[in-house]
């Protein structure tokens, strides 16, 4: 099991989700990322930096796995 560290931008998006249903959907996605951090596609932006993205019906999470923790870079909500 990995810990989760959030960038400021990701934390702001999480805090600003429109309702409890949105928050729960993103929380479930984060739980999946935490449990299976390398199960989602690697979408590297910079050579040598592992960047992954996970998607749910209306949300997405962009993250990296660093030093045994999941570092969440961004969270999106389209619902």
N, C-alpha and C. Protein backbone atom coordinates (compact mmCIF):
# COMPACT_ATOMS: atom_id res chain seq x y z
N UNK A 1 0.85 -1.19 0.00
CA UNK A 1 0.00 0.00 0.00
C UNK A 1 0.88 1.23 0.00
N UNK A 2 0.58 2.19 -0.82
CA UNK A 2 1.32 3.43 -0.94
C UNK A 2 0.58 4.56 -0.24
N UNK A 3 1.33 5.54 0.26
CA UNK A 3 0.73 6.76 0.75
C UNK A 3 0.38 7.65 -0.42
N UNK A 4 -0.40 8.69 -0.17
CA UNK A 4 -0.78 9.64 -1.22
C UNK A 4 -0.36 11.03 -0.79
N UNK A 5 0.35 11.71 -1.68
CA UNK A 5 0.76 13.09 -1.48
C UNK A 5 0.14 13.89 -2.62
N UNK A 6 -0.51 15.02 -2.31
CA UNK A 6 -1.17 15.82 -3.35
C UNK A 6 -0.48 17.16 -3.54
N UNK A 7 -0.30 17.51 -4.81
CA UNK A 7 0.13 18.86 -5.14
C UNK A 7 -0.98 19.82 -4.74
N UNK A 8 -0.64 21.09 -4.59
CA UNK A 8 -1.65 22.10 -4.21
C UNK A 8 -2.81 22.15 -5.19
N UNK A 9 -2.49 22.09 -6.49
CA UNK A 9 -3.54 22.16 -7.51
C UNK A 9 -4.54 21.01 -7.36
N UNK A 10 -4.03 19.80 -7.16
CA UNK A 10 -4.90 18.63 -6.99
C UNK A 10 -5.77 18.77 -5.74
N UNK A 11 -5.18 19.26 -4.66
CA UNK A 11 -5.93 19.44 -3.41
C UNK A 11 -7.04 20.48 -3.59
N UNK A 12 -6.77 21.54 -4.34
CA UNK A 12 -7.77 22.57 -4.59
C UNK A 12 -8.93 22.02 -5.41
N UNK A 13 -8.63 21.22 -6.42
CA UNK A 13 -9.69 20.63 -7.23
C UNK A 13 -10.53 19.68 -6.38
N UNK A 14 -9.88 18.86 -5.58
CA UNK A 14 -10.61 17.92 -4.72
C UNK A 14 -11.54 18.68 -3.77
N UNK A 15 -11.04 19.75 -3.19
CA UNK A 15 -11.85 20.55 -2.26
C UNK A 15 -13.00 21.26 -2.97
N UNK A 16 -12.86 21.52 -4.27
CA UNK A 16 -13.87 22.26 -5.00
C UNK A 16 -14.83 21.42 -5.82
N UNK A 17 -14.82 20.10 -5.63
CA UNK A 17 -15.75 19.26 -6.39
C UNK A 17 -17.18 19.65 -6.07
N UNK A 18 -18.10 19.51 -7.04
CA UNK A 18 -19.43 20.09 -6.90
C UNK A 18 -20.36 19.46 -5.86
N UNK A 19 -20.16 18.18 -5.54
CA UNK A 19 -21.06 17.54 -4.57
C UNK A 19 -20.41 16.28 -4.00
N UNK A 20 -21.12 15.65 -3.07
CA UNK A 20 -20.60 14.44 -2.42
C UNK A 20 -20.39 13.29 -3.41
N UNK A 21 -21.28 13.17 -4.40
CA UNK A 21 -21.13 12.09 -5.38
C UNK A 21 -19.83 12.24 -6.15
N UNK A 22 -19.50 13.47 -6.53
CA UNK A 22 -18.25 13.72 -7.25
C UNK A 22 -17.06 13.39 -6.35
N UNK A 23 -17.13 13.85 -5.11
CA UNK A 23 -16.03 13.60 -4.17
C UNK A 23 -15.82 12.10 -3.97
N UNK A 24 -16.92 11.35 -3.81
CA UNK A 24 -16.80 9.90 -3.61
C UNK A 24 -16.24 9.20 -4.84
N UNK A 25 -16.63 9.63 -6.02
CA UNK A 25 -16.09 9.01 -7.24
C UNK A 25 -14.57 9.22 -7.34
N UNK A 26 -14.13 10.45 -7.08
CA UNK A 26 -12.70 10.73 -7.12
C UNK A 26 -11.97 10.00 -5.99
N UNK A 27 -12.59 9.92 -4.82
CA UNK A 27 -11.98 9.20 -3.69
C UNK A 27 -11.80 7.72 -4.03
N UNK A 28 -12.78 7.12 -4.71
CA UNK A 28 -12.65 5.72 -5.13
C UNK A 28 -11.53 5.56 -6.15
N UNK A 29 -11.41 6.50 -7.05
CA UNK A 29 -10.34 6.46 -8.04
C UNK A 29 -8.97 6.58 -7.35
N UNK A 30 -8.86 7.48 -6.38
CA UNK A 30 -7.62 7.61 -5.63
C UNK A 30 -7.29 6.34 -4.85
N UNK A 31 -8.31 5.68 -4.29
CA UNK A 31 -8.09 4.43 -3.57
C UNK A 31 -7.55 3.36 -4.51
N UNK A 32 -8.08 3.30 -5.73
CA UNK A 32 -7.59 2.34 -6.71
C UNK A 32 -6.15 2.65 -7.10
N UNK A 33 -5.85 3.92 -7.32
CA UNK A 33 -4.49 4.33 -7.66
C UNK A 33 -3.54 3.96 -6.53
N UNK A 34 -3.97 4.18 -5.33
CA UNK A 34 -3.13 3.87 -4.15
C UNK A 34 -2.87 2.37 -4.05
N UNK A 35 -3.88 1.57 -4.31
CA UNK A 35 -3.74 0.11 -4.19
C UNK A 35 -2.97 -0.50 -5.35
N UNK A 36 -3.13 0.09 -6.55
CA UNK A 36 -2.50 -0.47 -7.76
C UNK A 36 -1.85 0.65 -8.57
N UNK A 37 -0.81 1.27 -8.04
CA UNK A 37 -0.27 2.47 -8.67
C UNK A 37 0.27 2.28 -10.08
N UNK A 38 0.73 1.11 -10.42
CA UNK A 38 1.29 0.93 -11.76
C UNK A 38 0.33 0.20 -12.71
N UNK A 39 -0.93 0.09 -12.33
CA UNK A 39 -1.92 -0.57 -13.17
C UNK A 39 -2.50 0.35 -14.25
N UNK A 40 -2.21 1.63 -14.15
CA UNK A 40 -2.77 2.61 -15.09
C UNK A 40 -1.70 3.04 -16.08
N UNK A 41 -2.10 3.54 -17.25
CA UNK A 41 -1.13 3.86 -18.31
C UNK A 41 -0.10 4.92 -17.92
N UNK A 42 1.11 4.69 -18.40
CA UNK A 42 2.20 5.64 -18.24
C UNK A 42 2.12 6.62 -19.40
N UNK A 43 2.00 7.90 -19.11
CA UNK A 43 1.87 8.93 -20.15
C UNK A 43 2.98 9.96 -20.00
N UNK A 44 4.19 9.47 -19.93
CA UNK A 44 5.36 10.33 -19.65
C UNK A 44 5.33 11.63 -20.44
N UNK A 45 5.59 12.70 -19.70
CA UNK A 45 5.72 14.02 -20.33
C UNK A 45 7.19 14.41 -20.44
N UNK A 46 7.97 13.93 -19.52
CA UNK A 46 9.40 14.26 -19.48
C UNK A 46 10.15 12.94 -19.44
N UNK A 47 11.18 12.80 -20.25
CA UNK A 47 11.95 11.56 -20.28
C UNK A 47 12.47 11.25 -18.88
N UNK A 48 12.23 10.04 -18.44
CA UNK A 48 12.72 9.60 -17.14
C UNK A 48 11.75 9.84 -16.00
N UNK A 49 10.71 10.59 -16.20
CA UNK A 49 9.73 10.84 -15.14
C UNK A 49 8.47 10.03 -15.42
N UNK A 50 8.17 9.10 -14.56
CA UNK A 50 6.98 8.26 -14.72
C UNK A 50 5.75 9.08 -14.33
N UNK A 51 4.84 9.25 -15.28
CA UNK A 51 3.59 9.96 -15.05
C UNK A 51 2.46 9.05 -15.53
N UNK A 52 1.49 8.81 -14.67
CA UNK A 52 0.39 7.91 -15.01
C UNK A 52 -0.94 8.64 -14.88
N UNK A 53 -1.94 8.12 -15.58
CA UNK A 53 -3.28 8.68 -15.51
C UNK A 53 -4.30 7.57 -15.31
N UNK A 54 -5.26 7.84 -14.44
CA UNK A 54 -6.35 6.91 -14.17
C UNK A 54 -7.66 7.66 -14.38
N UNK A 55 -8.67 6.95 -14.89
CA UNK A 55 -9.93 7.57 -15.24
C UNK A 55 -11.11 6.84 -14.61
N UNK A 56 -12.14 7.60 -14.27
CA UNK A 56 -13.43 7.04 -13.87
C UNK A 56 -14.46 7.58 -14.85
N UNK A 57 -15.73 7.41 -14.56
CA UNK A 57 -16.76 7.87 -15.48
C UNK A 57 -16.69 9.38 -15.73
N UNK A 58 -16.44 10.17 -14.69
CA UNK A 58 -16.43 11.62 -14.83
C UNK A 58 -15.16 12.28 -14.32
N UNK A 59 -14.23 11.52 -13.79
CA UNK A 59 -13.03 12.12 -13.22
C UNK A 59 -11.76 11.46 -13.71
N UNK A 60 -10.64 12.13 -13.44
CA UNK A 60 -9.35 11.56 -13.77
C UNK A 60 -8.32 12.06 -12.78
N UNK A 61 -7.25 11.29 -12.66
CA UNK A 61 -6.15 11.62 -11.77
C UNK A 61 -4.85 11.43 -12.54
N UNK A 62 -3.97 12.40 -12.45
CA UNK A 62 -2.63 12.29 -13.02
C UNK A 62 -1.66 12.22 -11.85
N UNK A 63 -0.75 11.24 -11.88
CA UNK A 63 0.11 11.02 -10.72
C UNK A 63 1.44 10.39 -11.12
N UNK A 64 2.35 10.40 -10.17
CA UNK A 64 3.63 9.71 -10.31
C UNK A 64 3.83 8.85 -9.08
N UNK A 65 4.62 7.81 -9.22
CA UNK A 65 4.96 6.96 -8.08
C UNK A 65 6.40 7.30 -7.70
N UNK A 66 6.56 7.84 -6.49
CA UNK A 66 7.89 8.27 -6.04
C UNK A 66 8.13 7.86 -4.60
N UNK A 67 9.26 7.22 -4.38
CA UNK A 67 9.69 6.88 -3.02
C UNK A 67 8.60 6.17 -2.22
N UNK A 68 7.90 5.24 -2.86
CA UNK A 68 6.88 4.46 -2.17
C UNK A 68 5.57 5.20 -1.94
N UNK A 69 5.41 6.38 -2.55
CA UNK A 69 4.18 7.14 -2.39
C UNK A 69 3.62 7.50 -3.77
N UNK A 70 2.33 7.72 -3.82
CA UNK A 70 1.68 8.20 -5.02
C UNK A 70 1.61 9.72 -4.90
N UNK A 71 2.25 10.42 -5.83
CA UNK A 71 2.26 11.89 -5.84
C UNK A 71 1.24 12.36 -6.86
N UNK A 72 0.11 12.84 -6.39
CA UNK A 72 -0.97 13.28 -7.28
C UNK A 72 -0.64 14.68 -7.78
N UNK A 73 -0.54 14.80 -9.09
CA UNK A 73 -0.19 16.08 -9.73
C UNK A 73 -1.43 16.87 -10.07
N UNK A 74 -2.49 16.19 -10.52
CA UNK A 74 -3.68 16.90 -10.96
C UNK A 74 -4.89 15.98 -10.83
N UNK A 75 -6.03 16.58 -10.63
CA UNK A 75 -7.32 15.88 -10.59
C UNK A 75 -8.25 16.65 -11.50
N UNK A 76 -9.05 15.95 -12.28
CA UNK A 76 -10.01 16.61 -13.15
C UNK A 76 -11.40 16.05 -12.94
N UNK A 77 -12.40 16.87 -13.21
CA UNK A 77 -13.79 16.46 -13.08
C UNK A 77 -14.57 17.01 -14.26
N UNK A 78 -15.27 16.14 -14.98
CA UNK A 78 -16.00 16.58 -16.16
C UNK A 78 -17.51 16.47 -15.97
N UNK A 79 -17.93 15.96 -14.82
CA UNK A 79 -19.35 15.71 -14.59
C UNK A 79 -20.19 16.91 -14.37
